[in-house]
Amino acid sequence: MDKSQGGIQQLLAAEQEAQSIVANARSAKMARLRQAKEEAEREVAAYRAQRESEYRKKLAESSGDSGSTAKKLEADTTHKIKMLSSEASRVSQEITSLLIKYVTTVKN
């Protein structure tokens, strides 16, 4: 009986050691999973920040383009108005003379 008691004790000790090893492995696995999750979240946050930065840069560029386009359009419009005013001033005397001539001329 003494031999069987020693064998049982060894078996129980081996089982406890195996349970301890399994528990440590589970703890290590959970710690590594948490670490991997945190690393992934940091990578996602960095990627999101990069893409957001690129988006804002493109948005600013396109807004700048529309602003410069509006300024160019305004300058072109102002130039055309000045040209039309100049042309109108140049021919207004001639048109006024023609109108007076047609109004005052009597046809029989």
PDB file of N, CA and C in Angstrom:
ATOM      1  N   MET A   1       0.799  -1.186   0.000  1.00  0.00           N
ATOM      2  CA  MET A   1       0.000   0.000   0.000  1.00  0.00           C
ATOM      3  C   MET A   1       0.850   1.260   0.000  1.00  0.00           C
ATOM      4  N   ASP A   2       1.969   1.154   0.582  1.00  0.00           N
ATOM      5  CA  ASP A   2       2.861   2.285   0.698  1.00  0.00           C
ATOM      6  C   ASP A   2       3.326   2.742  -0.670  1.00  0.00           C
ATOM      7  N   LYS A   3       3.562   1.761  -1.547  1.00  0.00           N
ATOM      8  CA  LYS A   3       3.991   2.076  -2.906  1.00  0.00           C
ATOM      9  C   LYS A   3       2.878   2.740  -3.698  1.00  0.00           C
ATOM     10  N   SER A   4       1.677   2.276  -3.533  1.00  0.00           N
ATOM     11  CA  SER A   4       0.556   2.841  -4.277  1.00  0.00           C
ATOM     12  C   SER A   4       0.242   4.242  -3.786  1.00  0.00           C
ATOM     13  N   GLN A   5       0.438   4.499  -2.476  1.00  0.00           N
ATOM     14  CA  GLN A   5       0.226   5.838  -1.924  1.00  0.00           C
ATOM     15  C   GLN A   5       1.225   6.808  -2.531  1.00  0.00           C
ATOM     16  N   GLY A   6       2.471   6.394  -2.670  1.00  0.00           N
ATOM     17  CA  GLY A   6       3.500   7.242  -3.254  1.00  0.00           C
ATOM     18  C   GLY A   6       3.188   7.527  -4.716  1.00  0.00           C
ATOM     19  N   GLY A   7       2.682   6.530  -5.435  1.00  0.00           N
ATOM     20  CA  GLY A   7       2.318   6.706  -6.841  1.00  0.00           C
ATOM     21  C   GLY A   7       1.171   7.678  -7.004  1.00  0.00           C
ATOM     22  N   ILE A   8       0.202   7.589  -6.091  1.00  0.00           N
ATOM     23  CA  ILE A   8      -0.953   8.490  -6.138  1.00  0.00           C
ATOM     24  C   ILE A   8      -0.491   9.920  -5.855  1.00  0.00           C
ATOM     25  N   GLN A   9       0.388  10.071  -4.862  1.00  0.00           N
ATOM     26  CA  GLN A   9       0.910  11.385  -4.528  1.00  0.00           C
ATOM     27  C   GLN A   9       1.640  11.988  -5.728  1.00  0.00           C
ATOM     28  N   GLN A  10       2.428  11.169  -6.423  1.00  0.00           N
ATOM     29  CA  GLN A  10       3.161  11.652  -7.608  1.00  0.00           C
ATOM     30  C   GLN A  10       2.178  12.060  -8.704  1.00  0.00           C
ATOM     31  N   LEU A  11       1.144  11.265  -8.863  1.00  0.00           N
ATOM     32  CA  LEU A  11       0.127  11.578  -9.876  1.00  0.00           C
ATOM     33  C   LEU A  11      -0.568  12.909  -9.557  1.00  0.00           C
ATOM     34  N   LEU A  12      -0.933  13.112  -8.283  1.00  0.00           N
ATOM     35  CA  LEU A  12      -1.584  14.357  -7.876  1.00  0.00           C
ATOM     36  C   LEU A  12      -0.646  15.544  -8.060  1.00  0.00           C
ATOM     37  N   ALA A  13       0.610  15.377  -7.723  1.00  0.00           N
ATOM     38  CA  ALA A  13       1.586  16.456  -7.886  1.00  0.00           C
ATOM     39  C   ALA A  13       1.759  16.786  -9.365  1.00  0.00           C
ATOM     40  N   ALA A  14       1.829  15.763 -10.219  1.00  0.00           N
ATOM     41  CA  ALA A  14       1.970  15.973 -11.662  1.00  0.00           C
ATOM     42  C   ALA A  14       0.736  16.673 -12.222  1.00  0.00           C
ATOM     43  N   GLU A  15      -0.454  16.290 -11.731  1.00  0.00           N
ATOM     44  CA  GLU A  15      -1.694  16.919 -12.194  1.00  0.00           C
ATOM     45  C   GLU A  15      -1.721  18.393 -11.795  1.00  0.00           C
ATOM     46  N   GLN A  16      -1.320  18.714 -10.563  1.00  0.00           N
ATOM     47  CA  GLN A  16      -1.279  20.102 -10.111  1.00  0.00           C
ATOM     48  C   GLN A  16      -0.269  20.905 -10.930  1.00  0.00           C
ATOM     49  N   GLU A  17       0.861  20.299 -11.216  1.00  0.00           N
ATOM     50  CA  GLU A  17       1.876  20.986 -12.035  1.00  0.00           C
ATOM     51  C   GLU A  17       1.336  21.238 -13.442  1.00  0.00           C
ATOM     52  N   ALA A  18       0.636  20.256 -14.008  1.00  0.00           N
ATOM     53  CA  ALA A  18       0.054  20.419 -15.345  1.00  0.00           C
ATOM     54  C   ALA A  18      -0.997  21.526 -15.347  1.00  0.00           C
ATOM     55  N   GLN A  19      -1.829  21.566 -14.290  1.00  0.00           N
ATOM     56  CA  GLN A  19      -2.841  22.618 -14.190  1.00  0.00           C
ATOM     57  C   GLN A  19      -2.184  23.991 -14.069  1.00  0.00           C
ATOM     58  N   SER A  20      -1.094  24.055 -13.319  1.00  0.00           N
ATOM     59  CA  SER A  20      -0.366  25.316 -13.167  1.00  0.00           C
ATOM     60  C   SER A  20       0.217  25.763 -14.505  1.00  0.00           C
ATOM     61  N   ILE A  21       0.798  24.830 -15.254  1.00  0.00           N
ATOM     62  CA  ILE A  21       1.380  25.141 -16.570  1.00  0.00           C
ATOM     63  C   ILE A  21       0.282  25.634 -17.515  1.00  0.00           C
ATOM     64  N   VAL A  22      -0.859  24.955 -17.528  1.00  0.00           N
ATOM     65  CA  VAL A  22      -1.977  25.346 -18.394  1.00  0.00           C
ATOM     66  C   VAL A  22      -2.502  26.732 -17.998  1.00  0.00           C
ATOM     67  N   ALA A  23      -2.619  26.993 -16.700  1.00  0.00           N
ATOM     68  CA  ALA A  23      -3.104  28.300 -16.232  1.00  0.00           C
ATOM     69  C   ALA A  23      -2.122  29.404 -16.640  1.00  0.00           C
ATOM     70  N   ASN A  24      -0.827  29.150 -16.485  1.00  0.00           N
ATOM     71  CA  ASN A  24       0.181  30.132 -16.897  1.00  0.00           C
ATOM     72  C   ASN A  24       0.134  30.377 -18.404  1.00  0.00           C
ATOM     73  N   ALA A  25      -0.055  29.312 -19.173  1.00  0.00           N
ATOM     74  CA  ALA A  25      -0.137  29.438 -20.631  1.00  0.00           C
ATOM     75  C   ALA A  25      -1.359  30.256 -21.025  1.00  0.00           C
ATOM     76  N   ARG A  26      -2.496  30.014 -20.339  1.00  0.00           N
ATOM     77  CA  ARG A  26      -3.706  30.791 -20.627  1.00  0.00           C
ATOM     78  C   ARG A  26      -3.486  32.264 -20.292  1.00  0.00           C
ATOM     79  N   SER A  27      -2.869  32.529 -19.162  1.00  0.00           N
ATOM     80  CA  SER A  27      -2.592  33.919 -18.769  1.00  0.00           C
ATOM     81  C   SER A  27      -1.688  34.597 -19.782  1.00  0.00           C
ATOM     82  N   ALA A  28      -0.646  33.889 -20.213  1.00  0.00           N
ATOM     83  CA  ALA A  28       0.280  34.443 -21.205  1.00  0.00           C
ATOM     84  C   ALA A  28      -0.446  34.701 -22.520  1.00  0.00           C
ATOM     85  N   LYS A  29      -1.318  33.768 -22.899  1.00  0.00           N
ATOM     86  CA  LYS A  29      -2.082  33.918 -24.151  1.00  0.00           C
ATOM     87  C   LYS A  29      -3.003  35.130 -24.068  1.00  0.00           C
ATOM     88  N   MET A  30      -3.695  35.295 -22.943  1.00  0.00           N
ATOM     89  CA  MET A  30      -4.601  36.426 -22.776  1.00  0.00           C
ATOM     90  C   MET A  30      -3.821  37.748 -22.784  1.00  0.00           C
ATOM     91  N   ALA A  31      -2.660  37.743 -22.134  1.00  0.00           N
ATOM     92  CA  ALA A  31      -1.837  38.957 -22.120  1.00  0.00           C
ATOM     93  C   ALA A  31      -1.387  39.298 -23.530  1.00  0.00           C
ATOM     94  N   ARG A  32      -0.980  38.315 -24.296  1.00  0.00           N
ATOM     95  CA  ARG A  32      -0.536  38.544 -25.678  1.00  0.00           C
ATOM     96  C   ARG A  32      -1.698  39.007 -26.552  1.00  0.00           C
ATOM     97  N   LEU A  33      -2.875  38.455 -26.347  1.00  0.00           N
ATOM     98  CA  LEU A  33      -4.055  38.898 -27.113  1.00  0.00           C
ATOM     99  C   LEU A  33      -4.384  40.359 -26.804  1.00  0.00           C
ATOM    100  N   ARG A  34      -4.320  40.748 -25.517  1.00  0.00           N
ATOM    101  CA  ARG A  34      -4.572  42.146 -25.157  1.00  0.00           C
ATOM    102  C   ARG A  34      -3.529  43.057 -25.806  1.00  0.00           C
ATOM    103  N   GLN A  35      -2.273  42.610 -25.766  1.00  0.00           N
ATOM    104  CA  GLN A  35      -1.196  43.402 -26.361  1.00  0.00           C
ATOM    105  C   GLN A  35      -1.409  43.544 -27.872  1.00  0.00           C
ATOM    106  N   ALA A  36      -1.775  42.448 -28.530  1.00  0.00           N
ATOM    107  CA  ALA A  36      -2.014  42.488 -29.978  1.00  0.00           C
ATOM    108  C   ALA A  36      -3.187  43.415 -30.300  1.00  0.00           C
ATOM    109  N   LYS A  37      -4.226  43.366 -29.472  1.00  0.00           N
ATOM    110  CA  LYS A  37      -5.385  44.227 -29.693  1.00  0.00           C
ATOM    111  C   LYS A  37      -4.992  45.694 -29.549  1.00  0.00           C
ATOM    112  N   GLU A  38      -4.203  46.009 -28.519  1.00  0.00           N
ATOM    113  CA  GLU A  38      -3.762  47.387 -28.312  1.00  0.00           C
ATOM    114  C   GLU A  38      -2.892  47.864 -29.472  1.00  0.00           C
ATOM    115  N   GLU A  39      -1.998  46.986 -29.944  1.00  0.00           N
ATOM    116  CA  GLU A  39      -1.153  47.345 -31.088  1.00  0.00           C
ATOM    117  C   GLU A  39      -2.003  47.592 -32.326  1.00  0.00           C
ATOM    118  N   ALA A  40      -2.981  46.742 -32.550  1.00  0.00           N
ATOM    119  CA  ALA A  40      -3.865  46.903 -33.710  1.00  0.00           C
ATOM    120  C   ALA A  40      -4.648  48.212 -33.603  1.00  0.00           C
ATOM    121  N   GLU A  41      -5.132  48.526 -32.408  1.00  0.00           N
ATOM    122  CA  GLU A  41      -5.878  49.775 -32.226  1.00  0.00           C
ATOM    123  C   GLU A  41      -4.988  50.982 -32.488  1.00  0.00           C
ATOM    124  N   ARG A  42      -3.726  50.917 -32.055  1.00  0.00           N
ATOM    125  CA  ARG A  42      -2.797  52.025 -32.318  1.00  0.00           C
ATOM    126  C   ARG A  42      -2.545  52.158 -33.820  1.00  0.00           C
ATOM    127  N   GLU A  43      -2.362  51.025 -34.493  1.00  0.00           N
ATOM    128  CA  GLU A  43      -2.133  51.067 -35.945  1.00  0.00           C
ATOM    129  C   GLU A  43      -3.342  51.637 -36.673  1.00  0.00           C
ATOM    130  N   VAL A  44      -4.529  51.223 -36.252  1.00  0.00           N
ATOM    131  CA  VAL A  44      -5.758  51.730 -36.876  1.00  0.00           C
ATOM    132  C   VAL A  44      -5.881  53.229 -36.633  1.00  0.00           C
ATOM    133  N   ALA A  45      -5.584  53.667 -35.412  1.00  0.00           N
ATOM    134  CA  ALA A  45      -5.671  55.095 -35.100  1.00  0.00           C
ATOM    135  C   ALA A  45      -4.660  55.891 -35.926  1.00  0.00           C
ATOM    136  N   ALA A  46      -3.443  55.360 -36.076  1.00  0.00           N
ATOM    137  CA  ALA A  46      -2.430  56.050 -36.876  1.00  0.00           C
ATOM    138  C   ALA A  46      -2.853  56.114 -38.340  1.00  0.00           C
ATOM    139  N   TYR A  47      -3.378  55.011 -38.865  1.00  0.00           N
ATOM    140  CA  TYR A  47      -3.828  54.968 -40.260  1.00  0.00           C
ATOM    141  C   TYR A  47      -4.983  55.946 -40.471  1.00  0.00           C
ATOM    142  N   ARG A  48      -5.917  55.951 -39.518  1.00  0.00           N
ATOM    143  CA  ARG A  48      -7.066  56.851 -39.620  1.00  0.00           C
ATOM    144  C   ARG A  48      -6.597  58.308 -39.597  1.00  0.00           C
ATOM    145  N   ALA A  49      -5.643  58.615 -38.714  1.00  0.00           N
ATOM    146  CA  ALA A  49      -5.122  59.987 -38.633  1.00  0.00           C
ATOM    147  C   ALA A  49      -4.435  60.376 -39.936  1.00  0.00           C
ATOM    148  N   GLN A  50      -3.690  59.436 -40.517  1.00  0.00           N
ATOM    149  CA  GLN A  50      -3.002  59.712 -41.788  1.00  0.00           C
ATOM    150  C   GLN A  50      -4.017  59.984 -42.900  1.00  0.00           C
ATOM    151  N   ARG A  51      -5.016  59.136 -42.997  1.00  0.00           N
ATOM    152  CA  ARG A  51      -6.034  59.305 -44.045  1.00  0.00           C
ATOM    153  C   ARG A  51      -6.830  60.598 -43.824  1.00  0.00           C
ATOM    154  N   GLU A  52      -7.133  60.908 -42.576  1.00  0.00           N
ATOM    155  CA  GLU A  52      -7.849  62.143 -42.263  1.00  0.00           C
ATOM    156  C   GLU A  52      -7.008  63.352 -42.671  1.00  0.00           C
ATOM    157  N   SER A  53      -5.713  63.274 -42.387  1.00  0.00           N
ATOM    158  CA  SER A  53      -4.809  64.365 -42.761  1.00  0.00           C
ATOM    159  C   SER A  53      -4.777  64.540 -44.277  1.00  0.00           C
ATOM    160  N   GLU A  54      -4.675  63.420 -45.010  1.00  0.00           N
ATOM    161  CA  GLU A  54      -4.675  63.489 -46.474  1.00  0.00           C
ATOM    162  C   GLU A  54      -5.987  64.071 -46.984  1.00  0.00           C
ATOM    163  N   TYR A  55      -7.094  63.660 -46.373  1.00  0.00           N
ATOM    164  CA  TYR A  55      -8.408  64.158 -46.784  1.00  0.00           C
ATOM    165  C   TYR A  55      -8.498  65.674 -46.569  1.00  0.00           C
ATOM    166  N   ARG A  56      -8.071  66.117 -45.379  1.00  0.00           N
ATOM    167  CA  ARG A  56      -8.127  67.553 -45.081  1.00  0.00           C
ATOM    168  C   ARG A  56      -7.214  68.343 -46.012  1.00  0.00           C
ATOM    169  N   LYS A  57      -6.061  67.774 -46.359  1.00  0.00           N
ATOM    170  CA  LYS A  57      -5.139  68.443 -47.273  1.00  0.00           C
ATOM    171  C   LYS A  57      -5.782  68.594 -48.650  1.00  0.00           C
ATOM    172  N   LYS A  58      -6.389  67.510 -49.148  1.00  0.00           N
ATOM    173  CA  LYS A  58      -7.054  67.575 -50.456  1.00  0.00           C
ATOM    174  C   LYS A  58      -8.230  68.545 -50.420  1.00  0.00           C
ATOM    175  N   LEU A  59      -8.945  68.539 -49.307  1.00  0.00           N
ATOM    176  CA  LEU A  59     -10.072  69.453 -49.162  1.00  0.00           C
ATOM    177  C   LEU A  59      -9.590  70.900 -49.196  1.00  0.00           C
ATOM    178  N   ALA A  60      -8.494  71.162 -48.494  1.00  0.00           N
ATOM    179  CA  ALA A  60      -7.935  72.521 -48.478  1.00  0.00           C
ATOM    180  C   ALA A  60      -7.445  72.915 -49.865  1.00  0.00           C
ATOM    181  N   GLU A  61      -6.817  71.963 -50.563  1.00  0.00           N
ATOM    182  CA  GLU A  61      -6.334  72.256 -51.920  1.00  0.00           C
ATOM    183  C   GLU A  61      -7.489  72.569 -52.849  1.00  0.00           C
ATOM    184  N   SER A  62      -8.550  71.766 -52.777  1.00  0.00           N
ATOM    185  CA  SER A  62      -9.683  71.996 -53.673  1.00  0.00           C
ATOM    186  C   SER A  62     -10.416  73.274 -53.298  1.00  0.00           C
ATOM    187  N   SER A  63     -10.482  73.585 -52.004  1.00  0.00           N
ATOM    188  CA  SER A  63     -11.102  74.836 -51.582  1.00  0.00           C
ATOM    189  C   SER A  63     -10.276  76.010 -52.070  1.00  0.00           C
ATOM    190  N   GLY A  64      -8.962  75.866 -51.968  1.00  0.00           N
ATOM    191  CA  GLY A  64      -8.073  76.922 -52.464  1.00  0.00           C
ATOM    192  C   GLY A  64      -8.248  77.109 -53.947  1.00  0.00           C
ATOM    193  N   ASP A  65      -8.407  76.000 -54.671  1.00  0.00           N
ATOM    194  CA  ASP A  65      -8.613  76.096 -56.110  1.00  0.00           C
ATOM    195  C   ASP A  65      -9.906  76.827 -56.421  1.00  0.00           C
ATOM    196  N   SER A  66     -10.964  76.508 -55.704  1.00  0.00           N
ATOM    197  CA  SER A  66     -12.228  77.173 -55.997  1.00  0.00           C
ATOM    198  C   SER A  66     -12.149  78.643 -55.614  1.00  0.00           C
ATOM    199  N   GLY A  67     -11.390  78.961 -54.564  1.00  0.00           N
ATOM    200  CA  GLY A  67     -11.203  80.362 -54.183  1.00  0.00           C
ATOM    201  C   GLY A  67     -10.435  81.117 -55.240  1.00  0.00           C
ATOM    202  N   SER A  68      -9.364  80.517 -55.758  1.00  0.00           N
ATOM    203  CA  SER A  68      -8.585  81.183 -56.801  1.00  0.00           C
ATOM    204  C   SER A  68      -9.385  81.239 -58.103  1.00  0.00           C
ATOM    205  N   THR A  69     -10.192  80.218 -58.345  1.00  0.00           N
ATOM    206  CA  THR A  69     -11.044  80.220 -59.530  1.00  0.00           C
ATOM    207  C   THR A  69     -12.067  81.344 -59.425  1.00  0.00           C
ATOM    208  N   ALA A  70     -12.626  81.530 -58.249  1.00  0.00           N
ATOM    209  CA  ALA A  70     -13.607  82.605 -58.050  1.00  0.00           C
ATOM    210  C   ALA A  70     -12.941  83.966 -58.249  1.00  0.00           C
ATOM    211  N   LYS A  71     -11.724  84.120 -57.728  1.00  0.00           N
ATOM    212  CA  LYS A  71     -11.006  85.389 -57.902  1.00  0.00           C
ATOM    213  C   LYS A  71     -10.705  85.641 -59.371  1.00  0.00           C
ATOM    214  N   LYS A  72     -10.298  84.587 -60.085  1.00  0.00           N
ATOM    215  CA  LYS A  72     -10.000  84.728 -61.516  1.00  0.00           C
ATOM    216  C   LYS A  72     -11.274  85.088 -62.276  1.00  0.00           C
ATOM    217  N   LEU A  73     -12.363  84.427 -61.949  1.00  0.00           N
ATOM    218  CA  LEU A  73     -13.638  84.703 -62.600  1.00  0.00           C
ATOM    219  C   LEU A  73     -14.081  86.135 -62.323  1.00  0.00           C
ATOM    220  N   GLU A  74     -13.902  86.585 -61.086  1.00  0.00           N
ATOM    221  CA  GLU A  74     -14.270  87.959 -60.737  1.00  0.00           C
ATOM    222  C   GLU A  74     -13.406  88.962 -61.506  1.00  0.00           C
ATOM    223  N   ALA A  75     -12.111  88.680 -61.611  1.00  0.00           N
ATOM    224  CA  ALA A  75     -11.213  89.569 -62.351  1.00  0.00           C
ATOM    225  C   ALA A  75     -11.606  89.617 -63.828  1.00  0.00           C
ATOM    226  N   ASP A  76     -11.922  88.445 -64.409  1.00  0.00           N
ATOM    227  CA  ASP A  76     -12.344  88.397 -65.812  1.00  0.00           C
ATOM    228  C   ASP A  76     -13.630  89.193 -66.019  1.00  0.00           C
ATOM    229  N   THR A  77     -14.566  89.032 -65.104  1.00  0.00           N
ATOM    230  CA  THR A  77     -15.841  89.746 -65.210  1.00  0.00           C
ATOM    231  C   THR A  77     -15.625  91.252 -65.125  1.00  0.00           C
ATOM    232  N   THR A  78     -14.795  91.677 -64.164  1.00  0.00           N
ATOM    233  CA  THR A  78     -14.495  93.106 -64.022  1.00  0.00           C
ATOM    234  C   THR A  78     -13.850  93.643 -65.287  1.00  0.00           C
ATOM    235  N   HIS A  79     -12.934  92.881 -65.853  1.00  0.00           N
ATOM    236  CA  HIS A  79     -12.258  93.286 -67.094  1.00  0.00           C
ATOM    237  C   HIS A  79     -13.267  93.430 -68.235  1.00  0.00           C
ATOM    238  N   LYS A  80     -14.174  92.464 -68.362  1.00  0.00           N
ATOM    239  CA  LYS A  80     -15.173  92.525 -69.430  1.00  0.00           C
ATOM    240  C   LYS A  80     -16.117  93.714 -69.245  1.00  0.00           C
ATOM    241  N   ILE A  81     -16.483  93.990 -67.996  1.00  0.00           N
ATOM    242  CA  ILE A  81     -17.358  95.141 -67.735  1.00  0.00           C
ATOM    243  C   ILE A  81     -16.659  96.431 -68.145  1.00  0.00           C
ATOM    244  N   LYS A  82     -15.378  96.544 -67.803  1.00  0.00           N
ATOM    245  CA  LYS A  82     -14.626  97.753 -68.185  1.00  0.00           C
ATOM    246  C   LYS A  82     -14.540  97.875 -69.697  1.00  0.00           C
ATOM    247  N   MET A  83     -14.299  96.750 -70.382  1.00  0.00           N
ATOM    248  CA  MET A  83     -14.217  96.783 -71.848  1.00  0.00           C
ATOM    249  C   MET A  83     -15.544  97.213 -72.451  1.00  0.00           C
ATOM    250  N   LEU A  84     -16.657  96.652 -71.924  1.00  0.00           N
ATOM    251  CA  LEU A  84     -17.976  97.026 -72.450  1.00  0.00           C
ATOM    252  C   LEU A  84     -18.283  98.495 -72.165  1.00  0.00           C
ATOM    253  N   SER A  85     -17.936  98.965 -70.985  1.00  0.00           N
ATOM    254  CA  SER A  85     -18.161 100.382 -70.659  1.00  0.00           C
ATOM    255  C   SER A  85     -17.335 101.275 -71.572  1.00  0.00           C
ATOM    256  N   SER A  86     -16.105 100.880 -71.797  1.00  0.00           N
ATOM    257  CA  SER A  86     -15.224 101.653 -72.683  1.00  0.00           C
ATOM    258  C   SER A  86     -15.790 101.690 -74.099  1.00  0.00           C
ATOM    259  N   GLU A  87     -16.217 100.561 -74.586  1.00  0.00           N
ATOM    260  CA  GLU A  87     -16.784 100.476 -75.940  1.00  0.00           C
ATOM    261  C   GLU A  87     -18.070 101.309 -76.031  1.00  0.00           C
ATOM    262  N   ALA A  88     -18.895 101.215 -74.976  1.00  0.00           N
ATOM    263  CA  ALA A  88     -20.132 101.997 -74.961  1.00  0.00           C
ATOM    264  C   ALA A  88     -19.821 103.488 -74.963  1.00  0.00           C
ATOM    265  N   SER A  89     -18.837 103.908 -74.199  1.00  0.00           N
ATOM    266  CA  SER A  89     -18.445 105.324 -74.175  1.00  0.00           C
ATOM    267  C   SER A  89     -17.935 105.757 -75.546  1.00  0.00           C
ATOM    268  N   ARG A  90     -17.189 104.888 -76.184  1.00  0.00           N
ATOM    269  CA  ARG A  90     -16.603 105.223 -77.481  1.00  0.00           C
ATOM    270  C   ARG A  90     -17.672 105.414 -78.555  1.00  0.00           C
ATOM    271  N   VAL A  91     -18.703 104.575 -78.548  1.00  0.00           N
ATOM    272  CA  VAL A  91     -19.713 104.661 -79.603  1.00  0.00           C
ATOM    273  C   VAL A  91     -20.956 105.444 -79.191  1.00  0.00           C
ATOM    274  N   SER A  92     -21.049 105.871 -77.962  1.00  0.00           N
ATOM    275  CA  SER A  92     -22.269 106.552 -77.513  1.00  0.00           C
ATOM    276  C   SER A  92     -22.507 107.858 -78.267  1.00  0.00           C
ATOM    277  N   GLN A  93     -21.457 108.602 -78.548  1.00  0.00           N
ATOM    278  CA  GLN A  93     -21.612 109.867 -79.285  1.00  0.00           C
ATOM    279  C   GLN A  93     -22.147 109.600 -80.681  1.00  0.00           C
ATOM    280  N   GLU A  94     -21.622 108.573 -81.306  1.00  0.00           N
ATOM    281  CA  GLU A  94     -22.065 108.218 -82.664  1.00  0.00           C
ATOM    282  C   GLU A  94     -23.519 107.765 -82.650  1.00  0.00           C
ATOM    283  N   ILE A  95     -23.900 106.945 -81.663  1.00  0.00           N
ATOM    284  CA  ILE A  95     -25.274 106.457 -81.573  1.00  0.00           C
ATOM    285  C   ILE A  95     -26.228 107.606 -81.272  1.00  0.00           C
ATOM    286  N   THR A  96     -25.811 108.496 -80.400  1.00  0.00           N
ATOM    287  CA  THR A  96     -26.645 109.661 -80.075  1.00  0.00           C
ATOM    288  C   THR A  96     -26.870 110.510 -81.321  1.00  0.00           C
ATOM    289  N   SER A  97     -25.831 110.735 -82.116  1.00  0.00           N
ATOM    290  CA  SER A  97     -25.963 111.513 -83.361  1.00  0.00           C
ATOM    291  C   SER A  97     -26.915 110.826 -84.322  1.00  0.00           C
ATOM    292  N   LEU A  98     -26.778 109.529 -84.470  1.00  0.00           N
ATOM    293  CA  LEU A  98     -27.672 108.792 -85.370  1.00  0.00           C
ATOM    294  C   LEU A  98     -29.119 108.895 -84.907  1.00  0.00           C
ATOM    295  N   LEU A  99     -29.353 108.737 -83.605  1.00  0.00           N
ATOM    296  CA  LEU A  99     -30.719 108.823 -83.087  1.00  0.00           C
ATOM    297  C   LEU A  99     -31.312 110.213 -83.321  1.00  0.00           C
ATOM    298  N   ILE A 100     -30.537 111.238 -83.061  1.00  0.00           N
ATOM    299  CA  ILE A 100     -31.030 112.604 -83.275  1.00  0.00           C
ATOM    300  C   ILE A 100     -31.327 112.826 -84.762  1.00  0.00           C
ATOM    301  N   LYS A 101     -30.477 112.316 -85.619  1.00  0.00           N
ATOM    302  CA  LYS A 101     -30.670 112.469 -87.058  1.00  0.00           C
ATOM    303  C   LYS A 101     -31.963 111.796 -87.494  1.00  0.00           C
ATOM    304  N   TYR A 102     -32.212 110.557 -87.022  1.00  0.00           N
ATOM    305  CA  TYR A 102     -33.419 109.856 -87.434  1.00  0.00           C
ATOM    306  C   TYR A 102     -34.687 110.483 -86.844  1.00  0.00           C
ATOM    307  N   VAL A 103     -34.586 111.014 -85.653  1.00  0.00           N
ATOM    308  CA  VAL A 103     -35.759 111.616 -85.027  1.00  0.00           C
ATOM    309  C   VAL A 103     -36.111 112.955 -85.669  1.00  0.00           C
ATOM    310  N   THR A 104     -35.089 113.682 -86.066  1.00  0.00           N
ATOM    311  CA  THR A 104     -35.349 115.034 -86.604  1.00  0.00           C
ATOM    312  C   THR A 104     -35.551 115.060 -88.105  1.00  0.00           C
ATOM    313  N   THR A 105     -35.216 113.993 -88.760  1.00  0.00           N
ATOM    314  CA  THR A 105     -35.375 113.977 -90.224  1.00  0.00           C
ATOM    315  C   THR A 105     -36.820 113.639 -90.570  1.00  0.00           C
ATOM    316  N   VAL A 106     -37.393 114.449 -91.458  1.00  0.00           N
ATOM    317  CA  VAL A 106     -38.777 114.229 -91.878  1.00  0.00           C
ATOM    318  C   VAL A 106     -38.743 113.633 -93.272  1.00  0.00           C
ATOM    319  N   LYS A 107     -39.448 112.565 -93.410  1.00  0.00           N
ATOM    320  CA  LYS A 107     -39.514 111.931 -94.731  1.00  0.00           C
ATOM    321  C   LYS A 107     -40.889 112.234 -95.331  1.00  0.00           C
ATOM    322  N   ASN A 108     -40.890 112.472 -96.605  1.00  0.00           N
ATOM    323  CA  ASN A 108     -42.139 112.760 -97.280  1.00  0.00           C
ATOM    324  C   ASN A 108     -42.702 111.550 -97.912  1.00  0.00           C
TER     325      ASN A 108
END
